[in-house]
């Protein structure tokens, strides 16, 4: 009886430490190269997200100042869009940090889908801003008003915005495809749309400046709103497919 008890106690003693050290053994079993690769992946994704936040904040503040000075709805719509980019970029950075967390007891499949939830929230914000721009544009067309004051600064900020959006969209797409990040891909798509809408606003400003047609600015703003809605629908569909585990 004593021997049996001793054997049981030995078994339980040996099982206890093994159970407690399970996690540490798993960590030791992960090759050091893989750990370094994960850290590099996290650093690279974080760096591009931070750069995106800084660029968005600069563009939003610059566009807002020019919009107030000139009274351009097109530039104001772009300022609000860029302001939303700041929020979206911050959400993306948070999503990247959450998605890098390892699985735990409450989340055995990890936190990878957190990026998809962030993309869904970004889509809702895009819809809201597009609705306001569309409403304001229609109101300006129906109500007679003086067109915006187009200056050299109006053209400068829109051309600068196109250049910045082109470069950061390419950089974000590269990192998103490299690491399969849906949040970064959503950001890249967002900034690609920004580049196109900035081009539309720029065309509207040129028409106002050359031909003196004040409503061209409002039509440009409405076009921006329509493009935002179209892009949001595509982003939302892909995001829902991921969240619902749709078969490829």
Protein backbone atom coordinates (compact mmCIF):
# COMPACT_ATOMS: atom_id res chain seq x y z
CA UNK A 1 0.00 0.00 0.00
CA UNK A 2 2.82 2.34 0.90
CA UNK A 3 4.66 1.56 -2.32
CA UNK A 4 1.53 2.19 -4.37
CA UNK A 5 1.03 5.49 -2.66
CA UNK A 6 4.65 6.40 -3.28
CA UNK A 7 4.30 5.57 -6.97
CA UNK A 8 1.15 7.67 -7.25
CA UNK A 9 2.79 10.55 -5.47
CA UNK A 10 5.80 10.30 -7.77
CA UNK A 11 3.54 10.31 -10.81
CA UNK A 12 1.60 13.33 -9.56
CA UNK A 13 4.82 15.12 -8.67
CA UNK A 14 6.21 14.52 -12.12
CA UNK A 15 2.96 15.47 -13.82
CA UNK A 16 2.59 18.72 -11.89
CA UNK A 17 5.82 20.39 -13.02
CA UNK A 18 5.30 19.15 -16.59
CA UNK A 19 1.85 20.69 -16.66
CA UNK A 20 3.03 23.95 -15.17
CA UNK A 21 5.99 24.14 -17.50
CA UNK A 22 3.95 23.38 -20.61
CA UNK A 23 4.02 26.96 -21.85
CA UNK A 24 7.71 27.42 -21.21
CA UNK A 25 8.48 24.18 -23.07
CA UNK A 26 6.40 25.37 -26.01
CA UNK A 27 8.27 28.64 -26.03
CA UNK A 28 11.59 26.82 -25.97
CA UNK A 29 10.41 24.65 -28.86
CA UNK A 30 9.89 27.72 -31.09
CA UNK A 31 13.02 28.33 -33.17
CA UNK A 32 14.81 31.56 -32.38
CA UNK A 33 14.69 32.51 -36.08
CA UNK A 34 10.88 32.37 -35.98
CA UNK A 35 10.77 34.60 -32.91
CA UNK A 36 13.06 37.13 -34.58
CA UNK A 37 10.91 37.01 -37.73
CA UNK A 38 7.76 37.69 -35.71
CA UNK A 39 9.40 40.63 -33.94
CA UNK A 40 10.58 42.04 -37.26
CA UNK A 41 7.09 41.62 -38.72
CA UNK A 42 5.56 43.44 -35.76
CA UNK A 43 8.10 46.29 -35.96
CA UNK A 44 7.63 46.76 -39.70
CA UNK A 45 3.83 46.79 -39.51
CA UNK A 46 3.91 49.17 -36.55
CA UNK A 47 6.37 51.53 -38.26
CA UNK A 48 4.26 51.87 -41.42
CA UNK A 49 1.12 52.40 -39.33
CA UNK A 50 2.78 55.20 -37.31
CA UNK A 51 4.01 56.90 -40.50
CA UNK A 52 0.47 56.69 -41.84
CA UNK A 53 -0.90 58.43 -38.73
CA UNK A 54 1.61 61.29 -38.99
CA UNK A 55 0.93 61.80 -42.71
CA UNK A 56 -2.84 61.74 -42.20
CA UNK A 57 -2.67 64.29 -39.37
CA UNK A 58 -0.54 66.65 -41.46
CA UNK A 59 -2.82 66.41 -44.51
CA UNK A 60 -6.02 66.78 -42.47
CA UNK A 61 -4.85 69.93 -40.68
CA UNK A 62 -3.48 71.49 -43.88
CA UNK A 63 -6.65 70.79 -45.88
CA UNK A 64 -8.88 72.07 -43.10
CA UNK A 65 -7.01 75.39 -42.93
CA UNK A 66 -7.17 75.85 -46.72
CA UNK A 67 -10.87 74.87 -46.76
CA UNK A 68 -11.73 77.49 -44.13
CA UNK A 69 -9.76 80.20 -45.94
CA UNK A 70 -11.14 79.45 -49.43
CA UNK A 71 -14.63 78.20 -48.55
CA UNK A 72 -14.19 75.14 -50.79
CA UNK A 73 -16.54 72.25 -50.00
CA UNK A 74 -14.38 69.94 -52.09
CA UNK A 75 -11.30 70.65 -49.99
CA UNK A 76 -13.38 70.52 -46.80
CA UNK A 77 -14.67 67.07 -47.79
CA UNK A 78 -11.06 66.01 -48.30
CA UNK A 79 -10.10 67.50 -44.93
CA UNK A 80 -12.81 65.49 -43.19
CA UNK A 81 -11.79 62.42 -45.15
CA UNK A 82 -8.18 62.89 -44.08
CA UNK A 83 -9.33 63.45 -40.49
CA UNK A 84 -11.10 60.12 -40.69
CA UNK A 85 -7.85 58.67 -42.01
CA UNK A 86 -6.17 59.67 -38.73
CA UNK A 87 -8.81 57.78 -36.74
CA UNK A 88 -8.60 54.81 -39.10
CA UNK A 89 -4.79 54.73 -38.91
CA UNK A 90 -4.87 54.79 -35.10
CA UNK A 91 -7.42 51.97 -35.14
CA UNK A 92 -5.17 50.06 -37.53
CA UNK A 93 -2.17 50.46 -35.23
CA UNK A 94 -4.23 49.18 -32.29
CA UNK A 95 -5.54 46.28 -34.38
CA UNK A 96 -2.01 45.29 -35.39
CA UNK A 97 -0.91 45.21 -31.76
CA UNK A 98 -3.95 43.14 -30.77
CA UNK A 99 -3.59 40.73 -33.70
CA UNK A 100 0.00 39.98 -32.67
CA UNK A 101 -1.12 38.66 -29.27
CA UNK A 102 -0.79 34.87 -28.92
CA UNK A 103 -3.82 32.61 -28.31
CA UNK A 104 -5.00 32.18 -24.73
CA UNK A 105 -7.62 30.17 -22.85
CA UNK A 106 -10.43 32.61 -23.69
CA UNK A 107 -9.27 33.08 -27.29
CA UNK A 108 -7.83 29.73 -28.44
CA UNK A 109 -7.76 30.85 -32.09
CA UNK A 110 -5.89 34.05 -31.32
CA UNK A 111 -6.73 37.67 -32.12
CA UNK A 112 -6.15 37.72 -35.89
CA UNK A 113 -9.75 38.71 -36.67
CA UNK A 114 -9.37 41.89 -34.63
CA UNK A 115 -7.96 43.49 -37.78
CA UNK A 116 -11.17 42.58 -39.63
CA UNK A 117 -13.29 44.17 -36.90
CA UNK A 118 -11.24 47.34 -37.26
CA UNK A 119 -11.83 47.33 -41.01
CA UNK A 120 -15.57 47.01 -40.38
CA UNK A 121 -15.54 49.98 -38.01
CA UNK A 122 -13.59 51.99 -40.58
CA UNK A 123 -16.27 51.19 -43.18
CA UNK A 124 -19.01 52.54 -40.90
CA UNK A 125 -17.06 55.77 -40.36
CA UNK A 126 -16.61 56.14 -44.11
CA UNK A 127 -20.36 55.81 -44.67
CA UNK A 128 -21.05 58.51 -42.09
CA UNK A 129 -18.63 61.02 -43.59
CA UNK A 130 -19.84 60.28 -47.14
CA UNK A 131 -23.44 60.95 -46.09
CA UNK A 132 -22.54 64.38 -44.69
CA UNK A 133 -20.52 65.36 -47.78
CA UNK A 134 -23.35 64.28 -50.11
CA UNK A 135 -25.93 66.25 -48.12
CA UNK A 136 -23.79 69.40 -48.02
CA UNK A 137 -23.00 69.15 -51.73
CA UNK A 138 -26.67 68.86 -52.73
CA UNK A 139 -27.58 71.78 -50.48
CA UNK A 140 -24.93 74.01 -52.06
CA UNK A 141 -26.13 73.11 -55.56
CA UNK A 142 -29.78 73.87 -54.75
CA UNK A 143 -29.03 77.11 -52.90
CA UNK A 144 -27.37 79.91 -54.85
CA UNK A 145 -24.01 80.75 -53.32
CA UNK A 146 -20.69 82.34 -54.19
CA UNK A 147 -18.10 79.84 -55.35
CA UNK A 148 -14.92 79.09 -53.42
CA UNK A 149 -11.92 81.38 -53.62
CA UNK A 150 -9.36 79.34 -55.52
CA UNK A 151 -5.74 80.23 -54.73
CA UNK A 152 -2.31 78.77 -55.38
CA UNK A 153 -2.51 77.17 -51.93
CA UNK A 154 -5.66 75.29 -52.97
CA UNK A 155 -3.80 73.63 -55.84
CA UNK A 156 -0.64 73.10 -53.79
CA UNK A 157 -2.38 71.22 -50.96
CA UNK A 158 -4.32 68.95 -53.34
CA UNK A 159 -1.28 68.12 -55.49
CA UNK A 160 0.77 67.49 -52.35
CA UNK A 161 -1.99 65.26 -51.01
CA UNK A 162 -2.00 63.17 -54.20
CA UNK A 163 1.78 62.66 -54.00
CA UNK A 164 1.68 61.68 -50.30
CA UNK A 165 -1.28 59.31 -50.76
CA UNK A 166 0.36 57.63 -53.76
CA UNK A 167 3.58 56.91 -51.87
CA UNK A 168 2.01 55.72 -48.62
CA UNK A 169 -0.59 53.61 -50.45
CA UNK A 170 2.20 51.75 -52.26
CA UNK A 171 4.15 51.29 -49.02
CA UNK A 172 1.09 50.01 -47.14
CA UNK A 173 0.13 47.59 -49.92
CA UNK A 174 3.65 46.18 -49.94
CA UNK A 175 3.65 45.49 -46.20
CA UNK A 176 0.02 44.26 -46.23
CA UNK A 177 0.72 41.69 -48.95
CA UNK A 178 4.02 40.69 -47.37
CA UNK A 179 2.41 39.84 -44.02
CA UNK A 180 -1.24 39.25 -45.00
CA UNK A 181 -2.54 42.16 -42.90
CA UNK A 182 -6.15 43.02 -43.70
CA UNK A 183 -6.04 46.17 -41.57
CA UNK A 184 -3.05 47.54 -43.49
CA UNK A 185 -4.66 46.53 -46.78
CA UNK A 186 -7.79 48.46 -45.77
CA UNK A 187 -5.61 51.48 -44.99
CA UNK A 188 -3.82 51.16 -48.34
CA UNK A 189 -7.12 50.98 -50.20
CA UNK A 190 -8.38 53.94 -48.20
CA UNK A 191 -5.41 56.09 -49.23
CA UNK A 192 -5.66 54.96 -52.84
CA UNK A 193 -9.23 56.25 -52.84
CA UNK A 194 -7.98 59.45 -51.19
CA UNK A 195 -5.59 59.93 -54.08
CA UNK A 196 -8.40 59.55 -56.62
CA UNK A 197 -10.80 61.81 -54.74
CA UNK A 198 -8.10 64.45 -54.36
CA UNK A 199 -7.74 64.33 -58.14
CA UNK A 200 -11.49 64.88 -58.54
CA UNK A 201 -11.40 67.87 -56.19
CA UNK A 202 -8.40 69.25 -58.06
CA UNK A 203 -10.33 69.05 -61.34
CA UNK A 204 -13.26 70.84 -59.69
CA UNK A 205 -10.97 73.64 -58.52
CA UNK A 206 -9.50 74.00 -62.01
CA UNK A 207 -13.01 74.35 -63.49
CA UNK A 208 -13.96 76.96 -60.90
CA UNK A 209 -10.72 78.87 -61.53
CA UNK A 210 -10.80 78.77 -65.35
CA UNK A 211 -14.52 78.95 -66.12
CA UNK A 212 -16.00 80.51 -62.99
CA UNK A 213 -18.51 77.69 -62.42
CA UNK A 214 -19.04 77.65 -58.61
CA UNK A 215 -21.04 74.40 -58.54
CA UNK A 216 -18.08 72.47 -59.97
CA UNK A 217 -16.66 72.36 -56.45
CA UNK A 218 -19.91 70.89 -55.07
CA UNK A 219 -20.13 68.30 -57.84
CA UNK A 220 -16.55 67.29 -57.08
CA UNK A 221 -17.46 66.85 -53.41
CA UNK A 222 -20.49 64.69 -54.30
CA UNK A 223 -18.26 62.56 -56.54
CA UNK A 224 -15.91 62.10 -53.59
CA UNK A 225 -18.85 60.92 -51.45
CA UNK A 226 -19.97 58.41 -54.11
CA UNK A 227 -16.45 56.99 -54.46
CA UNK A 228 -16.19 56.65 -50.68
CA UNK A 229 -19.48 54.71 -50.53
CA UNK A 230 -18.47 52.42 -53.41
CA UNK A 231 -15.09 51.67 -51.83
CA UNK A 232 -16.66 51.11 -48.41
CA UNK A 233 -19.07 48.53 -49.82
CA UNK A 234 -16.21 46.55 -51.34
CA UNK A 235 -14.17 46.74 -48.15
CA UNK A 236 -17.17 45.75 -46.04
CA UNK A 237 -17.94 42.73 -48.20
CA UNK A 238 -14.38 41.39 -47.94
CA UNK A 239 -14.30 42.05 -44.20
CA UNK A 240 -17.55 40.19 -43.59
CA UNK A 241 -16.25 37.26 -45.66
CA UNK A 242 -13.28 36.98 -43.30
CA UNK A 243 -15.37 37.36 -40.14
CA UNK A 244 -17.85 34.73 -41.36
CA UNK A 245 -15.05 32.36 -42.49
CA UNK A 246 -16.24 32.25 -46.08
CA UNK A 247 -14.62 29.51 -48.14
CA UNK A 248 -12.08 30.84 -50.69
